[in-house]
Amino acid sequence: MLIKQVHFGESNHVNNLTNTSFYNAMQGYYKSKIDGIQKEYSEKRDKREARLKERIAVLEMKIQELND
């Protein structure tokens, strides 16, 4: 029953009560695996944020050039 209600699409483990409950229940059994997954996602998020900041800086320079 829990598996059928867990959303695996664009959702993450904190999007609704069922996912939160499932996450909390599994965290005790798969602590190291969950930590590894969260670390991987954090690294990807940090890389994505760095690329976005770089792109924003480039676009802001282009805007500045166009305004001058």
PDB file of N, CA and C in Angstrom:
ATOM      1  N   MET A   1       0.820  -1.188   0.000  1.00  0.00           N
ATOM      2  CA  MET A   1       0.000   0.000   0.000  1.00  0.00           C
ATOM      3  C   MET A   1       0.867   1.257   0.000  1.00  0.00           C
ATOM      4  N   LEU A   2       1.922   1.286   0.819  1.00  0.00           N
ATOM      5  CA  LEU A   2       2.790   2.462   0.838  1.00  0.00           C
ATOM      6  C   LEU A   2       3.477   2.674  -0.497  1.00  0.00           C
ATOM      7  N   ILE A   3       3.956   1.595  -1.101  1.00  0.00           N
ATOM      8  CA  ILE A   3       4.685   1.715  -2.363  1.00  0.00           C
ATOM      9  C   ILE A   3       3.796   2.316  -3.443  1.00  0.00           C
ATOM     10  N   LYS A   4       2.520   1.953  -3.482  1.00  0.00           N
ATOM     11  CA  LYS A   4       1.616   2.473  -4.509  1.00  0.00           C
ATOM     12  C   LYS A   4       1.358   3.957  -4.339  1.00  0.00           C
ATOM     13  N   GLN A   5       1.491   4.486  -3.129  1.00  0.00           N
ATOM     14  CA  GLN A   5       1.210   5.891  -2.885  1.00  0.00           C
ATOM     15  C   GLN A   5       2.452   6.776  -2.966  1.00  0.00           C
ATOM     16  N   VAL A   6       3.627   6.192  -3.051  1.00  0.00           N
ATOM     17  CA  VAL A   6       4.861   6.972  -3.121  1.00  0.00           C
ATOM     18  C   VAL A   6       5.037   7.492  -4.538  1.00  0.00           C
ATOM     19  N   HIS A   7       5.331   8.768  -4.646  1.00  0.00           N
ATOM     20  CA  HIS A   7       5.503   9.394  -5.953  1.00  0.00           C
ATOM     21  C   HIS A   7       6.982   9.407  -6.307  1.00  0.00           C
ATOM     22  N   PHE A   8       7.334   8.780  -7.425  1.00  0.00           N
ATOM     23  CA  PHE A   8       8.743   8.714  -7.828  1.00  0.00           C
ATOM     24  C   PHE A   8       9.084   9.644  -8.984  1.00  0.00           C
ATOM     25  N   GLY A   9       8.124  10.372  -9.516  1.00  0.00           N
ATOM     26  CA  GLY A   9       8.374  11.250 -10.658  1.00  0.00           C
ATOM     27  C   GLY A   9       9.251  12.413 -10.283  1.00  0.00           C
ATOM     28  N   GLU A  10       8.727  13.611 -10.379  1.00  0.00           N
ATOM     29  CA  GLU A  10       9.472  14.821 -10.052  1.00  0.00           C
ATOM     30  C   GLU A  10       9.428  15.120  -8.554  1.00  0.00           C
ATOM     31  N   SER A  11       8.828  14.246  -7.788  1.00  0.00           N
ATOM     32  CA  SER A  11       8.700  14.460  -6.350  1.00  0.00           C
ATOM     33  C   SER A  11       9.976  14.049  -5.632  1.00  0.00           C
ATOM     34  N   ASN A  12      10.117  14.557  -4.442  1.00  0.00           N
ATOM     35  CA  ASN A  12      11.173  14.065  -3.574  1.00  0.00           C
ATOM     36  C   ASN A  12      10.550  13.615  -2.269  1.00  0.00           C
ATOM     37  N   HIS A  13      11.347  13.155  -1.331  1.00  0.00           N
ATOM     38  CA  HIS A  13      10.817  12.515  -0.133  1.00  0.00           C
ATOM     39  C   HIS A  13      10.126  13.457   0.831  1.00  0.00           C
ATOM     40  N   VAL A  14      10.140  14.758   0.592  1.00  0.00           N
ATOM     41  CA  VAL A  14       9.482  15.680   1.510  1.00  0.00           C
ATOM     42  C   VAL A  14       8.258  16.349   0.894  1.00  0.00           C
ATOM     43  N   ASN A  15       7.788  15.876  -0.249  1.00  0.00           N
ATOM     44  CA  ASN A  15       6.678  16.540  -0.927  1.00  0.00           C
ATOM     45  C   ASN A  15       5.316  16.241  -0.334  1.00  0.00           C
ATOM     46  N   ASN A  16       5.122  15.117   0.292  1.00  0.00           N
ATOM     47  CA  ASN A  16       3.827  14.839   0.893  1.00  0.00           C
ATOM     48  C   ASN A  16       3.990  13.896   2.074  1.00  0.00           C
ATOM     49  N   LEU A  17       2.904  13.700   2.816  1.00  0.00           N
ATOM     50  CA  LEU A  17       2.988  12.923   4.061  1.00  0.00           C
ATOM     51  C   LEU A  17       3.354  11.464   3.820  1.00  0.00           C
ATOM     52  N   THR A  18       2.852  10.865   2.734  1.00  0.00           N
ATOM     53  CA  THR A  18       3.172   9.466   2.450  1.00  0.00           C
ATOM     54  C   THR A  18       4.658   9.313   2.173  1.00  0.00           C
ATOM     55  N   ASN A  19       5.197  10.192   1.346  1.00  0.00           N
ATOM     56  CA  ASN A  19       6.623  10.123   1.044  1.00  0.00           C
ATOM     57  C   ASN A  19       7.458  10.387   2.287  1.00  0.00           C
ATOM     58  N   THR A  20       7.031  11.319   3.121  1.00  0.00           N
ATOM     59  CA  THR A  20       7.761  11.614   4.350  1.00  0.00           C
ATOM     60  C   THR A  20       7.766  10.405   5.273  1.00  0.00           C
ATOM     61  N   SER A  21       6.623   9.768   5.416  1.00  0.00           N
ATOM     62  CA  SER A  21       6.526   8.580   6.264  1.00  0.00           C
ATOM     63  C   SER A  21       7.400   7.445   5.732  1.00  0.00           C
ATOM     64  N   PHE A  22       7.344   7.226   4.434  1.00  0.00           N
ATOM     65  CA  PHE A  22       8.153   6.180   3.804  1.00  0.00           C
ATOM     66  C   PHE A  22       9.636   6.463   3.996  1.00  0.00           C
ATOM     67  N   TYR A  23      10.036   7.706   3.775  1.00  0.00           N
ATOM     68  CA  TYR A  23      11.426   8.110   3.940  1.00  0.00           C
ATOM     69  C   TYR A  23      11.895   7.875   5.375  1.00  0.00           C
ATOM     70  N   ASN A  24      11.086   8.306   6.348  1.00  0.00           N
ATOM     71  CA  ASN A  24      11.466   8.135   7.752  1.00  0.00           C
ATOM     72  C   ASN A  24      11.575   6.664   8.129  1.00  0.00           C
ATOM     73  N   ALA A  25      10.677   5.845   7.601  1.00  0.00           N
ATOM     74  CA  ALA A  25      10.718   4.415   7.906  1.00  0.00           C
ATOM     75  C   ALA A  25      11.956   3.757   7.304  1.00  0.00           C
ATOM     76  N   MET A  26      12.311   4.098   6.108  1.00  0.00           N
ATOM     77  CA  MET A  26      13.435   3.475   5.409  1.00  0.00           C
ATOM     78  C   MET A  26      14.782   4.033   5.855  1.00  0.00           C
ATOM     79  N   GLN A  27      14.781   5.229   6.386  1.00  0.00           N
ATOM     80  CA  GLN A  27      16.046   5.860   6.775  1.00  0.00           C
ATOM     81  C   GLN A  27      16.791   5.029   7.819  1.00  0.00           C
ATOM     82  N   GLY A  28      16.070   4.391   8.714  1.00  0.00           N
ATOM     83  CA  GLY A  28      16.725   3.568   9.731  1.00  0.00           C
ATOM     84  C   GLY A  28      17.419   2.352   9.146  1.00  0.00           C
ATOM     85  N   TYR A  29      16.883   1.804   8.064  1.00  0.00           N
ATOM     86  CA  TYR A  29      17.444   0.593   7.465  1.00  0.00           C
ATOM     87  C   TYR A  29      18.511   0.890   6.412  1.00  0.00           C
ATOM     88  N   TYR A  30      18.382   2.009   5.731  1.00  0.00           N
ATOM     89  CA  TYR A  30      19.272   2.321   4.606  1.00  0.00           C
ATOM     90  C   TYR A  30      19.983   3.655   4.796  1.00  0.00           C
ATOM     91  N   LYS A  31      20.433   3.928   6.007  1.00  0.00           N
ATOM     92  CA  LYS A  31      21.044   5.217   6.334  1.00  0.00           C
ATOM     93  C   LYS A  31      22.216   5.546   5.413  1.00  0.00           C
ATOM     94  N   SER A  32      23.143   4.617   5.205  1.00  0.00           N
ATOM     95  CA  SER A  32      24.331   4.910   4.394  1.00  0.00           C
ATOM     96  C   SER A  32      23.959   5.103   2.927  1.00  0.00           C
ATOM     97  N   LYS A  33      23.011   4.311   2.420  1.00  0.00           N
ATOM     98  CA  LYS A  33      22.598   4.469   1.026  1.00  0.00           C
ATOM     99  C   LYS A  33      21.886   5.796   0.817  1.00  0.00           C
ATOM    100  N   ILE A  34      21.024   6.169   1.752  1.00  0.00           N
ATOM    101  CA  ILE A  34      20.301   7.439   1.646  1.00  0.00           C
ATOM    102  C   ILE A  34      21.275   8.601   1.732  1.00  0.00           C
ATOM    103  N   ASP A  35      22.247   8.506   2.643  1.00  0.00           N
ATOM    104  CA  ASP A  35      23.255   9.564   2.752  1.00  0.00           C
ATOM    105  C   ASP A  35      24.045   9.704   1.455  1.00  0.00           C
ATOM    106  N   GLY A  36      24.388   8.575   0.825  1.00  0.00           N
ATOM    107  CA  GLY A  36      25.112   8.611  -0.447  1.00  0.00           C
ATOM    108  C   GLY A  36      24.288   9.261  -1.546  1.00  0.00           C
ATOM    109  N   ILE A  37      23.025   8.929  -1.604  1.00  0.00           N
ATOM    110  CA  ILE A  37      22.129   9.519  -2.614  1.00  0.00           C
ATOM    111  C   ILE A  37      21.997  11.016  -2.378  1.00  0.00           C
ATOM    112  N   GLN A  38      21.794  11.419  -1.120  1.00  0.00           N
ATOM    113  CA  GLN A  38      21.654  12.839  -0.827  1.00  0.00           C
ATOM    114  C   GLN A  38      22.942  13.600  -1.139  1.00  0.00           C
ATOM    115  N   LYS A  39      24.096  12.988  -0.881  1.00  0.00           N
ATOM    116  CA  LYS A  39      25.374  13.628  -1.197  1.00  0.00           C
ATOM    117  C   LYS A  39      25.517  13.815  -2.708  1.00  0.00           C
ATOM    118  N   GLU A  40      25.129  12.786  -3.463  1.00  0.00           N
ATOM    119  CA  GLU A  40      25.194  12.869  -4.924  1.00  0.00           C
ATOM    120  C   GLU A  40      24.295  13.985  -5.452  1.00  0.00           C
ATOM    121  N   TYR A  41      23.081  14.069  -4.927  1.00  0.00           N
ATOM    122  CA  TYR A  41      22.171  15.128  -5.353  1.00  0.00           C
ATOM    123  C   TYR A  41      22.700  16.506  -4.960  1.00  0.00           C
ATOM    124  N   SER A  42      23.307  16.609  -3.793  1.00  0.00           N
ATOM    125  CA  SER A  42      23.874  17.888  -3.355  1.00  0.00           C
ATOM    126  C   SER A  42      24.997  18.327  -4.283  1.00  0.00           C
ATOM    127  N   GLU A  43      25.851  17.373  -4.686  1.00  0.00           N
ATOM    128  CA  GLU A  43      26.948  17.700  -5.599  1.00  0.00           C
ATOM    129  C   GLU A  43      26.397  18.166  -6.949  1.00  0.00           C
ATOM    130  N   LYS A  44      25.379  17.474  -7.451  1.00  0.00           N
ATOM    131  CA  LYS A  44      24.775  17.880  -8.722  1.00  0.00           C
ATOM    132  C   LYS A  44      24.132  19.256  -8.605  1.00  0.00           C
ATOM    133  N   ARG A  45      23.450  19.507  -7.482  1.00  0.00           N
ATOM    134  CA  ARG A  45      22.812  20.808  -7.276  1.00  0.00           C
ATOM    135  C   ARG A  45      23.858  21.917  -7.220  1.00  0.00           C
ATOM    136  N   ASP A  46      24.968  21.659  -6.522  1.00  0.00           N
ATOM    137  CA  ASP A  46      26.031  22.661  -6.424  1.00  0.00           C
ATOM    138  C   ASP A  46      26.631  22.967  -7.793  1.00  0.00           C
ATOM    139  N   LYS A  47      26.848  21.934  -8.612  1.00  0.00           N
ATOM    140  CA  LYS A  47      27.377  22.144  -9.961  1.00  0.00           C
ATOM    141  C   LYS A  47      26.392  22.949 -10.807  1.00  0.00           C
ATOM    142  N   ARG A  48      25.104  22.614 -10.692  1.00  0.00           N
ATOM    143  CA  ARG A  48      24.077  23.319 -11.455  1.00  0.00           C
ATOM    144  C   ARG A  48      24.006  24.791 -11.034  1.00  0.00           C
ATOM    145  N   GLU A  49      24.069  25.042  -9.723  1.00  0.00           N
ATOM    146  CA  GLU A  49      24.048  26.417  -9.226  1.00  0.00           C
ATOM    147  C   GLU A  49      25.264  27.196  -9.709  1.00  0.00           C
ATOM    148  N   ALA A  50      26.427  26.554  -9.743  1.00  0.00           N
ATOM    149  CA  ALA A  50      27.646  27.227 -10.216  1.00  0.00           C
ATOM    150  C   ALA A  50      27.505  27.598 -11.691  1.00  0.00           C
ATOM    151  N   ARG A  51      26.975  26.666 -12.504  1.00  0.00           N
ATOM    152  CA  ARG A  51      26.768  26.965 -13.920  1.00  0.00           C
ATOM    153  C   ARG A  51      25.771  28.101 -14.105  1.00  0.00           C
ATOM    154  N   LEU A  52      24.714  28.105 -13.314  1.00  0.00           N
ATOM    155  CA  LEU A  52      23.708  29.161 -13.425  1.00  0.00           C
ATOM    156  C   LEU A  52      24.292  30.516 -13.030  1.00  0.00           C
ATOM    157  N   LYS A  53      25.079  30.540 -11.954  1.00  0.00           N
ATOM    158  CA  LYS A  53      25.699  31.800 -11.533  1.00  0.00           C
ATOM    159  C   LYS A  53      26.647  32.316 -12.612  1.00  0.00           C
ATOM    160  N   GLU A  54      27.401  31.410 -13.228  1.00  0.00           N
ATOM    161  CA  GLU A  54      28.305  31.801 -14.307  1.00  0.00           C
ATOM    162  C   GLU A  54      27.519  32.363 -15.482  1.00  0.00           C
ATOM    163  N   ARG A  55      26.437  31.695 -15.833  1.00  0.00           N
ATOM    164  CA  ARG A  55      25.612  32.161 -16.959  1.00  0.00           C
ATOM    165  C   ARG A  55      24.968  33.510 -16.641  1.00  0.00           C
ATOM    166  N   ILE A  56      24.503  33.685 -15.411  1.00  0.00           N
ATOM    167  CA  ILE A  56      23.909  34.965 -15.009  1.00  0.00           C
ATOM    168  C   ILE A  56      24.939  36.078 -15.107  1.00  0.00           C
ATOM    169  N   ALA A  57      26.171  35.809 -14.688  1.00  0.00           N
ATOM    170  CA  ALA A  57      27.228  36.820 -14.761  1.00  0.00           C
ATOM    171  C   ALA A  57      27.490  37.222 -16.204  1.00  0.00           C
ATOM    172  N   VAL A  58      27.535  36.247 -17.107  1.00  0.00           N
ATOM    173  CA  VAL A  58      27.757  36.536 -18.524  1.00  0.00           C
ATOM    174  C   VAL A  58      26.603  37.374 -19.080  1.00  0.00           C
ATOM    175  N   LEU A  59      25.388  36.994 -18.749  1.00  0.00           N
ATOM    176  CA  LEU A  59      24.220  37.740 -19.246  1.00  0.00           C
ATOM    177  C   LEU A  59      24.176  39.156 -18.678  1.00  0.00           C
ATOM    178  N   GLU A  60      24.555  39.317 -17.419  1.00  0.00           N
ATOM    179  CA  GLU A  60      24.599  40.651 -16.830  1.00  0.00           C
ATOM    180  C   GLU A  60      25.647  41.519 -17.508  1.00  0.00           C
ATOM    181  N   MET A  61      26.799  40.921 -17.897  1.00  0.00           N
ATOM    182  CA  MET A  61      27.816  41.686 -18.634  1.00  0.00           C
ATOM    183  C   MET A  61      27.286  42.109 -19.991  1.00  0.00           C
ATOM    184  N   LYS A  62      26.542  41.226 -20.668  1.00  0.00           N
ATOM    185  CA  LYS A  62      25.964  41.582 -21.960  1.00  0.00           C
ATOM    186  C   LYS A  62      24.950  42.701 -21.813  1.00  0.00           C
ATOM    187  N   ILE A  63      24.155  42.657 -20.747  1.00  0.00           N
ATOM    188  CA  ILE A  63      23.191  43.717 -20.500  1.00  0.00           C
ATOM    189  C   ILE A  63      23.911  45.028 -20.264  1.00  0.00           C
ATOM    190  N   GLN A  64      24.984  44.976 -19.497  1.00  0.00           N
ATOM    191  CA  GLN A  64      25.769  46.183 -19.207  1.00  0.00           C
ATOM    192  C   GLN A  64      26.346  46.756 -20.501  1.00  0.00           C
ATOM    193  N   GLU A  65      26.855  45.896 -21.386  1.00  0.00           N
ATOM    194  CA  GLU A  65      27.395  46.347 -22.661  1.00  0.00           C
ATOM    195  C   GLU A  65      26.318  46.996 -23.509  1.00  0.00           C
ATOM    196  N   LEU A  66      25.134  46.418 -23.520  1.00  0.00           N
ATOM    197  CA  LEU A  66      24.041  46.973 -24.308  1.00  0.00           C
ATOM    198  C   LEU A  66      23.559  48.303 -23.746  1.00  0.00           C
ATOM    199  N   ASN A  67      23.631  48.482 -22.445  1.00  0.00           N
ATOM    200  CA  ASN A  67      23.201  49.733 -21.820  1.00  0.00           C
ATOM    201  C   ASN A  67      24.224  50.856 -22.039  1.00  0.00           C
ATOM    202  N   ASP A  68      25.482  50.500 -22.250  1.00  0.00           N
ATOM    203  CA  ASP A  68      26.523  51.521 -22.443  1.00  0.00           C
ATOM    204  C   ASP A  68      26.523  52.062 -23.814  1.00  0.00           C
TER     205      ASP A  68
END
